[in-house]
Amino acid sequence: MSSLSPALAAHLPTGMLADGQWTAASGGRTFEVVDPATGEVLFDVADASPEDGRRALASAADVASAWRGVAPRERSELLRAVYERIVARSGAFASLITAECGKPLAEARAEVTYGADFLRWYAEQAVRVEGLVRTAPAGANRQIVHRRPVGPALLITPWNFPIAMATRKIGPALAAGCPVVIKPAHQTPLTTMLVAEVIRSEAAERGLPPGIVNVVPTASSGDLVAPLLTDDRLRKLSFTGSTAVGRTLLQQAADQVLRTSMELGGNAPFVVFADADLDAALDGATVAKLRNAGQSCVAANRFLVHDSVAREFAQRLADRFAGLRVGRGDVDGVDVGPLIDAEAVEKVAELVDDATDRGAQVLTGGGRPDGPGTFFQPTVLAGVDTDARVVREEIFGPVAPVVAFADDDEAFALANDTEYGLAAYAYTTSLERALRVGAEIDAGMIGINRGMVSDASAPFGGMKQSGLGREGGEAGLEEYLETVYVAL
């Protein structure tokens, strides 16, 4: 059974949110949210239709002018208050993340802290939207440059970090003055909906416009989203998910020339040079690979290790993985939780089978443990062919393929041999080599001697087919602002 407390379960919103009110979806349609660790149905959630989506967008459009006119200080104070309320209820949010996403409670608590920090950061940035006044070079007039909100925004969030991916979009949008429509992933809508309820109730207490946050959960994303992208009331799309879906959304957004932010797939290299501190590299590798059981767009995907230490690194990493406990996230001592669903398990198994068919050696793991739930064993593969699917594709599971390289030039060539360019990691004790990593690896985020790069105050995003734009940091606010030039 789920570990959710009866008090939390009794007060969770399960409808759709529009005009400041939670309601059923049209026709009373619902879909099931399932605990991936047990297969247990947690809740039936409103399955919003395209008409419900348009209603939510109308709600956002109706308050766009009023929300734009709210003083930046008031928007800031709202976000700060929501941050404090989420922190005060961090235990409830963490248990909800574990229930619907599966990650161990310690990871869920860390995600709540990380997710709440976006609200705190953008509460601070809401009052720092800069402008410009200067005399034109010719001296004939003054140039005034100011920023204003782009308008109603559609935020499409993934399932793997249900609070952090929501707040990373909601925070800057509301700080900039943009009302939002949120379409959470159907696997994990509950956490996002609880965040929205905290915002809704706090805004209502402050007398702020209803409808600044709207939520449309659905099991039919394409049917709901497509008509919204052709509606001229929508002015911004922010999407986190696969590159394949991102391409489709960009095509659909073209007709309305929507402002878009795309945080898409990754295939992060984890480069271990010959001079690396191997103990530190193993610590970083474990974090970079196994956070959320490897279900992260910035997870280390390919372990590129100098051939002088590749065998030792692979075996020591396998020893670490073999000692990890796999199981339900709400059980003490569990290190690695389930994958999100059976389809995810099948994809990971296919990648491992393809690698072994090409000659890779399984040092630990390699299969599915017995029992209920959608689990896969932490796995280390040695001697992996560079053409194996596990090297070419995003794994999204607890599998670490190790590939040896001979010199720095080969390491950089292997690291960049992918269509993706989201994150990269490198371990070296040479400052010169570290600087070269930053200059030559094609990735939007690079961790040097650390296995985690995410920070609410830093720009998050990639290059090549890993996306467009940035979230987090000052750059995240820019995504929701228009630049207006006035010649006076």
Protein backbone atom coordinates (compact mmCIF):
# COMPACT_ATOMS: atom_id res chain seq x y z
CA MET A 1 0.00 0.00 0.00
CA SER A 2 1.03 3.62 -0.51
CA SER A 3 2.80 5.36 2.35
CA LEU A 4 0.81 8.57 1.82
CA SER A 5 -0.75 9.78 5.04
CA PRO A 6 -4.55 9.78 5.14
CA ALA A 7 -4.52 13.53 5.82
CA LEU A 8 -2.47 14.25 2.71
CA ALA A 9 -4.45 11.84 0.55
CA ALA A 10 -7.73 13.38 1.67
CA HIS A 11 -6.73 16.90 0.61
CA LEU A 12 -4.93 16.27 -2.66
CA PRO A 13 -6.51 17.99 -5.67
CA THR A 14 -7.35 15.52 -8.43
CA GLY A 15 -9.33 17.73 -10.80
CA MET A 16 -8.34 20.38 -13.31
CA LEU A 17 -7.72 23.99 -12.29
CA ALA A 18 -9.15 26.96 -14.22
CA ASP A 19 -10.47 30.34 -13.13
CA GLY A 20 -9.09 29.67 -9.67
CA GLN A 21 -11.35 26.63 -9.15
CA TRP A 22 -10.72 22.88 -9.15
CA THR A 23 -13.33 21.07 -11.22
CA ALA A 24 -13.91 17.75 -12.91
CA ALA A 25 -12.92 17.34 -16.54
CA SER A 26 -15.70 17.62 -19.09
CA GLY A 27 -17.67 14.39 -19.21
CA GLY A 28 -16.17 13.35 -15.88
CA ARG A 29 -13.30 11.55 -17.61
CA THR A 30 -10.40 10.33 -15.44
CA PHE A 31 -7.19 8.35 -15.70
CA GLU A 32 -5.24 6.35 -13.13
CA VAL A 33 -2.01 7.40 -11.44
CA VAL A 34 0.00 4.32 -10.47
CA ASP A 35 2.79 3.75 -7.95
CA PRO A 36 5.59 2.27 -10.10
CA ALA A 37 7.06 0.40 -7.13
CA THR A 38 3.93 -1.63 -6.50
CA GLY A 39 1.54 -1.22 -9.41
CA GLU A 40 -1.01 0.15 -6.95
CA VAL A 41 -3.46 2.76 -8.26
CA LEU A 42 -2.98 5.88 -6.16
CA PHE A 43 -5.73 8.14 -7.49
CA ASP A 44 -8.07 8.72 -10.39
CA VAL A 45 -7.24 12.14 -11.85
CA ALA A 46 -9.25 14.38 -14.18
CA ASP A 47 -8.53 13.63 -17.83
CA ALA A 48 -8.83 17.05 -19.43
CA SER A 49 -10.19 17.30 -22.97
CA PRO A 50 -9.20 19.81 -25.68
CA GLU A 51 -12.22 21.89 -24.63
CA ASP A 52 -10.91 21.88 -21.04
CA GLY A 53 -7.55 23.02 -22.34
CA ARG A 54 -9.14 25.96 -24.13
CA ARG A 55 -11.03 26.82 -20.95
CA ALA A 56 -7.79 26.89 -19.01
CA LEU A 57 -6.14 29.06 -21.66
CA ALA A 58 -9.11 31.42 -21.60
CA SER A 59 -8.65 31.70 -17.84
CA ALA A 60 -5.00 32.66 -18.28
CA ALA A 61 -5.76 35.09 -21.12
CA ASP A 62 -8.52 36.79 -19.12
CA VAL A 63 -6.15 37.69 -16.28
CA ALA A 64 -3.07 38.42 -18.40
CA SER A 65 -3.54 42.17 -18.34
CA ALA A 66 -4.34 42.28 -14.62
CA TRP A 67 -1.39 40.04 -13.68
CA ARG A 68 0.95 42.08 -15.85
CA GLY A 69 -0.18 45.15 -13.93
CA VAL A 70 0.54 43.66 -10.48
CA ALA A 71 3.57 45.30 -8.93
CA PRO A 72 6.79 43.28 -9.19
CA ARG A 73 7.09 43.41 -5.40
CA GLU A 74 3.70 41.73 -5.01
CA ARG A 75 4.64 39.00 -7.48
CA SER A 76 7.88 38.55 -5.57
CA GLU A 77 6.13 38.27 -2.22
CA LEU A 78 3.68 35.71 -3.60
CA LEU A 79 6.51 33.49 -4.81
CA ARG A 80 8.39 33.85 -1.54
CA ALA A 81 5.28 32.89 0.44
CA VAL A 82 4.71 29.83 -1.76
CA TYR A 83 8.36 28.85 -1.26
CA GLU A 84 7.94 29.02 2.52
CA ARG A 85 4.73 26.99 2.46
CA ILE A 86 6.30 24.25 0.36
CA VAL A 87 9.36 24.10 2.62
CA ALA A 88 7.07 23.86 5.65
CA ARG A 89 5.33 20.87 4.01
CA SER A 90 8.46 19.32 2.55
CA GLY A 91 7.75 15.94 4.15
CA ALA A 92 4.33 15.71 2.52
CA PHE A 93 5.70 16.74 -0.87
CA ALA A 94 8.54 14.22 -0.60
CA SER A 95 6.21 11.33 0.24
CA LEU A 96 3.98 12.26 -2.68
CA ILE A 97 6.96 12.32 -5.09
CA THR A 98 8.04 8.89 -3.83
CA ALA A 99 4.54 7.49 -4.23
CA GLU A 100 3.93 8.58 -7.82
CA CYS A 101 7.52 8.73 -9.14
CA GLY A 102 9.18 5.96 -7.10
CA LYS A 103 12.42 7.65 -6.12
CA PRO A 104 13.82 7.01 -2.62
CA LEU A 105 12.61 9.40 0.07
CA ALA A 106 16.06 10.94 0.53
CA GLU A 107 16.13 11.85 -3.17
CA ALA A 108 12.55 13.09 -3.00
CA ARG A 109 13.43 15.38 -0.09
CA ALA A 110 16.39 16.72 -2.05
CA GLU A 111 14.11 17.40 -5.01
CA VAL A 112 11.68 19.36 -2.82
CA THR A 113 14.55 21.54 -1.61
CA TYR A 114 15.81 22.00 -5.17
CA GLY A 115 12.33 22.68 -6.57
CA ALA A 116 11.41 25.16 -3.85
CA ASP A 117 14.65 27.03 -4.50
CA PHE A 118 13.40 28.06 -7.95
CA LEU A 119 10.53 29.88 -6.27
CA ARG A 120 12.90 31.61 -3.87
CA TRP A 121 15.31 32.56 -6.65
CA TYR A 122 12.60 34.00 -8.90
CA ALA A 123 10.98 35.79 -5.97
CA GLU A 124 14.31 37.62 -5.77
CA GLN A 125 14.51 38.16 -9.53
CA ALA A 126 10.95 39.48 -9.97
CA VAL A 127 12.03 42.95 -8.82
CA ARG A 128 15.20 42.96 -10.94
CA VAL A 129 13.89 43.21 -14.50
CA GLU A 130 16.30 45.68 -16.06
CA GLY A 131 15.68 48.41 -18.63
CA LEU A 132 17.70 51.13 -20.33
CA VAL A 133 17.48 54.86 -20.94
CA ARG A 134 20.18 56.65 -22.96
CA THR A 135 20.76 59.34 -25.52
CA ALA A 136 20.99 58.00 -29.08
CA PRO A 137 24.49 58.27 -30.59
CA ALA A 138 23.29 60.97 -33.02
CA GLY A 139 21.93 62.98 -30.10
CA ALA A 140 18.51 63.51 -31.67
CA ASN A 141 16.43 61.44 -29.30
CA ARG A 142 16.39 59.25 -26.21
CA GLN A 143 16.30 55.48 -26.40
CA ILE A 144 14.11 53.72 -23.86
CA VAL A 145 14.31 49.93 -23.68
CA HIS A 146 11.99 48.15 -21.31
CA ARG A 147 10.83 44.60 -20.73
CA ARG A 148 7.30 43.29 -20.42
CA PRO A 149 5.76 39.83 -20.04
CA VAL A 150 5.34 37.83 -23.22
CA GLY A 151 1.83 36.73 -22.20
CA PRO A 152 -0.01 33.48 -21.43
CA ALA A 153 2.38 30.52 -21.32
CA LEU A 154 1.83 26.80 -21.76
CA LEU A 155 4.18 24.77 -19.56
CA ILE A 156 4.58 21.07 -20.38
CA THR A 157 6.48 19.21 -17.67
CA PRO A 158 7.97 15.68 -17.50
CA TRP A 159 7.43 12.94 -14.94
CA ASN A 160 10.94 12.45 -13.60
CA PHE A 161 11.18 15.54 -11.34
CA PRO A 162 7.54 16.48 -10.74
CA ILE A 163 8.13 19.42 -8.40
CA ALA A 164 11.41 20.78 -9.75
CA MET A 165 10.36 20.76 -13.39
CA ALA A 166 7.14 22.57 -12.48
CA THR A 167 8.68 25.26 -10.29
CA ARG A 168 11.55 25.81 -12.75
CA LYS A 169 8.92 26.99 -15.24
CA ILE A 170 6.24 28.47 -12.96
CA GLY A 171 8.72 30.59 -10.99
CA PRO A 172 10.09 32.71 -13.83
CA ALA A 173 6.75 32.89 -15.65
CA LEU A 174 4.91 34.34 -12.65
CA ALA A 175 7.87 36.56 -11.74
CA ALA A 176 7.80 38.04 -15.24
CA GLY A 177 4.04 38.60 -15.11
CA CYS A 178 2.88 35.71 -17.33
CA PRO A 179 -0.15 33.62 -16.32
CA VAL A 180 0.33 29.92 -17.05
CA VAL A 181 -1.40 26.75 -18.12
CA ILE A 182 0.45 23.67 -16.86
CA LYS A 183 0.17 20.27 -18.52
CA PRO A 184 1.90 17.82 -16.14
CA ALA A 185 3.01 14.36 -17.22
CA HIS A 186 0.22 11.81 -16.81
CA GLN A 187 2.47 9.50 -14.79
CA THR A 188 3.15 12.09 -12.05
CA PRO A 189 0.55 14.88 -12.04
CA LEU A 190 -0.19 14.89 -8.30
CA THR A 191 2.88 16.75 -7.06
CA THR A 192 2.49 19.48 -9.67
CA MET A 193 -1.18 19.81 -8.80
CA LEU A 194 -0.35 20.22 -5.12
CA VAL A 195 2.13 22.99 -6.00
CA ALA A 196 -0.57 24.70 -8.04
CA GLU A 197 -2.99 24.47 -5.12
CA VAL A 198 -0.49 26.16 -2.82
CA ILE A 199 -0.12 28.99 -5.37
CA ARG A 200 -3.88 29.23 -5.93
CA SER A 201 -4.73 29.45 -2.25
CA GLU A 202 -1.92 31.90 -1.46
CA ALA A 203 -2.91 34.14 -4.37
CA ALA A 204 -6.55 34.07 -3.27
CA GLU A 205 -5.60 35.08 0.27
CA ARG A 206 -3.68 38.03 -1.14
CA GLY A 207 -6.50 39.15 -3.42
CA LEU A 208 -4.48 38.52 -6.56
CA PRO A 209 -6.18 37.68 -9.86
CA PRO A 210 -7.60 34.14 -10.09
CA GLY A 211 -6.44 32.16 -13.05
CA ILE A 212 -2.74 33.01 -12.93
CA VAL A 213 -2.07 29.26 -12.57
CA ASN A 214 -4.17 26.69 -14.41
CA VAL A 215 -3.63 22.92 -14.58
CA VAL A 216 -4.85 20.47 -17.21
CA PRO A 217 -3.83 16.88 -16.43
CA THR A 218 -4.53 14.49 -19.27
CA ALA A 219 -3.69 11.04 -20.57
CA SER A 220 -3.96 12.35 -24.17
CA SER A 221 -1.32 15.05 -24.35
CA GLY A 222 -1.24 15.43 -28.11
CA ASP A 223 -5.00 15.88 -28.39
CA LEU A 224 -5.03 18.59 -25.71
CA VAL A 225 -1.86 20.48 -26.67
CA ALA A 226 -2.21 20.69 -30.46
CA PRO A 227 -5.24 23.04 -30.52
CA LEU A 228 -3.70 25.28 -27.86
CA LEU A 229 -0.65 25.85 -30.05
CA THR A 230 -2.87 27.23 -32.81
CA ASP A 231 -4.74 29.58 -30.45
CA ASP A 232 -3.58 33.17 -30.81
CA ARG A 233 -4.15 33.82 -27.10
CA LEU A 234 -1.13 31.64 -26.30
CA ARG A 235 2.19 33.44 -26.59
CA LYS A 236 4.75 31.12 -25.01
CA LEU A 237 5.50 27.39 -24.93
CA SER A 238 7.97 25.81 -22.52
CA PHE A 239 8.54 22.07 -22.87
CA THR A 240 10.76 19.54 -21.13
CA GLY A 241 10.84 16.07 -22.61
CA SER A 242 12.19 14.00 -25.46
CA THR A 243 13.81 15.45 -28.55
CA ALA A 244 11.31 13.62 -30.76
CA VAL A 245 8.32 15.26 -29.09
CA GLY A 246 10.14 18.60 -28.99
CA ARG A 247 10.57 18.56 -32.76
CA THR A 248 6.83 17.95 -33.21
CA LEU A 249 5.92 20.78 -30.84
CA LEU A 250 8.27 23.19 -32.63
CA GLN A 251 6.55 22.38 -35.92
CA GLN A 252 3.13 22.94 -34.36
CA ALA A 253 4.25 26.20 -32.74
CA ALA A 254 5.56 27.63 -36.00
CA ASP A 255 2.21 28.81 -37.37
CA GLN A 256 1.66 31.16 -34.41
CA VAL A 257 5.41 32.00 -34.22
CA LEU A 258 5.30 31.17 -30.52
CA ARG A 259 8.18 31.95 -28.22
CA THR A 260 9.52 28.51 -27.31
CA SER A 261 11.84 27.02 -24.72
CA MET A 262 12.87 23.41 -25.29
CA GLU A 263 14.77 21.31 -22.75
CA LEU A 264 15.15 18.03 -24.60
CA GLY A 265 17.11 14.78 -24.52
CA GLY A 266 20.69 14.18 -23.46
CA ASN A 267 23.54 11.73 -23.87
CA ALA A 268 25.99 13.05 -21.31
CA PRO A 269 29.61 11.88 -21.47
CA PHE A 270 31.40 11.25 -18.19
CA VAL A 271 35.10 11.55 -19.00
CA VAL A 272 37.73 10.16 -16.64
CA PHE A 273 41.24 11.22 -17.63
CA ALA A 274 44.37 9.30 -16.62
CA ASP A 275 45.28 11.88 -13.96
CA ALA A 276 41.85 11.88 -12.30
CA ASP A 277 41.31 11.25 -8.61
CA LEU A 278 39.67 7.87 -9.11
CA ASP A 279 37.91 7.82 -5.74
CA ALA A 280 36.34 11.20 -6.47
CA ALA A 281 35.43 10.08 -9.99
CA LEU A 282 33.67 7.00 -8.64
CA ASP A 283 31.73 9.13 -6.15
CA GLY A 284 30.70 11.49 -8.93
CA ALA A 285 29.85 8.66 -11.29
CA THR A 286 27.48 7.09 -8.78
CA VAL A 287 25.65 10.39 -8.30
CA ALA A 288 25.61 11.33 -11.98
CA LYS A 289 24.35 7.92 -13.08
CA LEU A 290 21.94 6.78 -10.37
CA ARG A 291 20.04 9.91 -9.40
CA ASN A 292 16.40 8.91 -9.87
CA ALA A 293 17.62 5.48 -11.07
CA GLY A 294 19.27 7.15 -14.06
CA GLN A 295 16.00 8.72 -15.20
CA SER A 296 17.35 12.21 -15.73
CA CYS A 297 18.16 14.15 -18.88
CA VAL A 298 21.50 15.14 -17.33
CA ALA A 299 22.39 11.63 -16.14
CA ALA A 300 25.81 10.38 -17.14
CA ASN A 301 25.11 8.19 -20.16
CA ARG A 302 28.55 7.19 -21.51
CA PHE A 303 31.56 6.62 -19.27
CA LEU A 304 34.64 7.46 -21.32
CA VAL A 305 37.69 6.36 -19.36
CA HIS A 306 41.39 6.51 -20.23
CA ASP A 307 42.57 3.02 -21.11
CA SER A 308 45.20 3.09 -18.35
CA VAL A 309 42.47 3.13 -15.70
CA ALA A 310 39.40 1.88 -17.58
CA ARG A 311 39.49 -1.69 -16.23
CA GLU A 312 40.01 -0.55 -12.64
CA PHE A 313 37.32 2.12 -12.90
CA ALA A 314 34.75 -0.27 -14.38
CA GLN A 315 35.35 -2.96 -11.76
CA ARG A 316 35.28 -0.55 -8.83
CA LEU A 317 32.10 1.07 -10.17
CA ALA A 318 30.57 -2.40 -10.49
CA ASP A 319 31.52 -3.17 -6.89
CA ARG A 320 29.72 -0.03 -5.77
CA PHE A 321 26.62 -0.74 -7.85
CA ALA A 322 26.48 -4.32 -6.59
CA GLY A 323 26.26 -3.10 -3.00
CA LEU A 324 23.25 -0.86 -3.62
CA ARG A 325 19.79 -1.82 -2.41
CA VAL A 326 16.97 -1.71 -4.96
CA GLY A 327 13.38 -1.37 -3.78
CA ARG A 328 10.45 0.80 -2.82
CA GLY A 329 11.48 4.36 -2.14
CA ASP A 330 9.62 4.57 1.17
CA VAL A 331 11.65 1.69 2.68
CA ASP A 332 14.64 2.60 4.84
CA GLY A 333 18.00 1.82 3.29
CA VAL A 334 16.82 1.71 -0.32
CA ASP A 335 19.28 3.38 -2.72
CA VAL A 336 17.64 2.85 -6.11
CA GLY A 337 13.93 2.97 -6.84
CA PRO A 338 11.89 1.71 -9.80
CA LEU A 339 11.75 2.90 -13.36
CA ILE A 340 8.60 4.81 -14.17
CA ASP A 341 6.74 2.01 -16.02
CA ALA A 342 7.06 -1.35 -17.77
CA GLU A 343 7.84 0.28 -21.10
CA ALA A 344 10.87 1.98 -19.54
CA VAL A 345 12.12 -1.36 -18.21
CA GLU A 346 11.77 -2.96 -21.63
CA LYS A 347 13.73 -0.13 -23.28
CA VAL A 348 16.62 -0.47 -20.81
CA ALA A 349 16.66 -4.27 -21.19
CA GLU A 350 16.83 -3.91 -24.98
CA LEU A 351 19.82 -1.56 -24.70
CA VAL A 352 21.69 -3.96 -22.42
CA ASP A 353 20.92 -6.93 -24.68
CA ASP A 354 22.16 -5.02 -27.74
CA ALA A 355 25.42 -4.15 -25.95
CA THR A 356 26.07 -7.73 -24.86
CA ASP A 357 25.25 -9.01 -28.33
CA ARG A 358 28.05 -6.73 -29.55
CA GLY A 359 30.51 -8.16 -27.06
CA ALA A 360 30.07 -6.06 -23.91
CA GLN A 361 30.69 -7.73 -20.56
CA VAL A 362 28.17 -7.39 -17.72
CA LEU A 363 30.18 -6.72 -14.55
CA THR A 364 27.11 -6.44 -12.34
CA GLY A 365 23.34 -6.31 -12.76
CA GLY A 366 22.00 -6.67 -16.26
CA GLY A 367 18.45 -7.74 -15.51
CA ARG A 368 15.20 -7.29 -13.66
CA PRO A 369 14.85 -8.40 -10.02
CA ASP A 370 11.99 -10.67 -9.01
CA GLY A 371 8.80 -9.26 -7.53
CA PRO A 372 6.26 -6.56 -8.30
CA GLY A 373 7.14 -3.10 -9.58
CA THR A 374 9.11 -1.82 -12.55
CA PHE A 375 12.70 -2.25 -11.35
CA PHE A 376 16.00 -2.79 -13.14
CA GLN A 377 19.27 -3.73 -11.46
CA PRO A 378 22.11 -1.16 -11.36
CA THR A 379 24.30 -2.35 -14.20
CA VAL A 380 27.91 -1.79 -15.33
CA LEU A 381 29.02 -2.84 -18.82
CA ALA A 382 32.68 -3.07 -19.83
CA GLY A 383 34.19 -3.34 -23.30
CA VAL A 384 31.24 -1.59 -24.92
CA ASP A 385 31.25 -1.07 -28.70
CA THR A 386 30.93 2.63 -29.57
CA ASP A 387 28.19 1.75 -32.06
CA ALA A 388 26.06 0.02 -29.42
CA ARG A 389 22.64 1.54 -28.84
CA VAL A 390 23.47 2.03 -25.15
CA VAL A 391 26.15 4.51 -26.28
CA ARG A 392 24.18 6.15 -29.09
CA GLU A 393 20.81 6.55 -27.33
CA GLU A 394 19.65 8.12 -24.08
CA ILE A 395 19.43 5.25 -21.57
CA PHE A 396 17.11 6.67 -18.88
CA GLY A 397 17.94 3.83 -16.52
CA PRO A 398 20.61 2.60 -14.08
CA VAL A 399 23.08 1.32 -16.70
CA ALA A 400 26.70 2.52 -16.98
CA PRO A 401 28.51 1.57 -20.22
CA VAL A 402 32.30 2.02 -19.99
CA VAL A 403 34.27 2.87 -23.14
CA ALA A 404 38.06 3.24 -23.12
CA PHE A 405 39.95 6.01 -24.95
CA ALA A 406 43.65 6.41 -25.76
CA ASP A 407 44.28 10.17 -25.54
CA ASP A 408 42.61 13.53 -25.01
CA ASP A 409 41.77 14.08 -28.67
CA GLU A 410 39.95 10.75 -28.83
CA ALA A 411 38.11 11.55 -25.59
CA PHE A 412 36.80 14.84 -27.00
CA ALA A 413 35.87 13.21 -30.30
CA LEU A 414 33.91 10.48 -28.49
CA ALA A 415 32.25 12.99 -26.16
CA ASN A 416 31.00 15.06 -29.10
CA ASP A 417 29.95 12.09 -31.24
CA THR A 418 26.25 12.53 -30.54
CA GLU A 419 23.36 14.67 -31.72
CA TYR A 420 22.82 15.80 -28.14
CA GLY A 421 24.61 18.49 -26.16
CA LEU A 422 22.93 18.93 -22.79
CA ALA A 423 25.39 18.01 -20.02
CA ALA A 424 28.89 16.60 -19.66
CA TYR A 425 31.17 15.63 -16.78
CA ALA A 426 34.94 15.34 -16.58
CA TYR A 427 37.43 14.35 -13.90
CA THR A 428 41.02 15.60 -14.07
CA THR A 429 43.57 17.21 -11.74
CA SER A 430 44.95 19.37 -14.57
CA LEU A 431 43.67 22.93 -14.77
CA GLU A 432 44.80 23.15 -18.39
CA ARG A 433 42.84 20.03 -19.29
CA ALA A 434 39.78 21.22 -17.37
CA LEU A 435 39.80 24.48 -19.34
CA ARG A 436 40.07 22.52 -22.57
CA VAL A 437 37.06 20.43 -21.54
CA GLY A 438 35.04 23.61 -21.12
CA ALA A 439 36.14 24.86 -24.52
CA GLU A 440 35.84 21.70 -26.62
CA ILE A 441 32.97 19.56 -25.35
CA ASP A 442 29.67 20.53 -26.98
CA ALA A 443 27.37 20.75 -23.98
CA GLY A 444 25.37 23.51 -22.36
CA MET A 445 26.39 22.40 -18.85
CA ILE A 446 29.71 20.90 -17.83
CA GLY A 447 30.67 19.58 -14.41
CA ILE A 448 34.39 19.46 -13.64
CA ASN A 449 35.24 17.08 -10.79
CA ARG A 450 31.60 16.94 -9.70
CA GLY A 451 28.71 14.71 -10.66
CA MET A 452 25.89 17.23 -10.33
CA VAL A 453 25.47 20.57 -12.10
CA SER A 454 21.87 21.62 -11.38
CA ASP A 455 21.35 24.85 -9.44
CA ALA A 456 18.34 27.18 -9.42
CA SER A 457 20.64 30.19 -9.82
CA ALA A 458 22.47 28.80 -12.89
CA PRO A 459 21.33 28.52 -16.52
CA PHE A 460 20.07 25.03 -17.39
CA GLY A 461 19.89 23.97 -21.03
CA GLY A 462 21.75 22.50 -23.96
CA MET A 463 22.92 22.88 -27.52
CA LYS A 464 22.48 20.89 -30.72
CA GLN A 465 19.34 18.71 -30.43
CA SER A 466 19.17 19.03 -26.66
CA GLY A 467 17.07 22.14 -26.87
CA LEU A 468 16.57 25.87 -27.18
CA GLY A 469 16.82 28.53 -24.48
CA ARG A 470 17.69 28.22 -20.82
CA GLU A 471 15.88 27.68 -17.54
CA GLY A 472 17.16 28.77 -14.14
CA GLY A 473 19.37 31.72 -13.33
CA GLU A 474 18.87 35.16 -14.80
CA ALA A 475 18.48 33.57 -18.25
CA GLY A 476 15.34 31.74 -17.15
CA LEU A 477 13.48 35.00 -16.57
CA GLU A 478 14.49 36.29 -20.01
CA GLU A 479 12.51 33.49 -21.63
CA TYR A 480 9.25 35.09 -20.44
CA LEU A 481 10.01 38.72 -21.30
CA GLU A 482 9.64 40.78 -24.47
CA THR A 483 12.01 43.63 -25.26
CA VAL A 484 10.32 46.91 -26.25
CA TYR A 485 12.26 49.87 -27.66
CA VAL A 486 10.80 53.37 -27.52
CA ALA A 487 12.42 56.25 -29.43
CA LEU A 488 11.56 59.47 -27.59
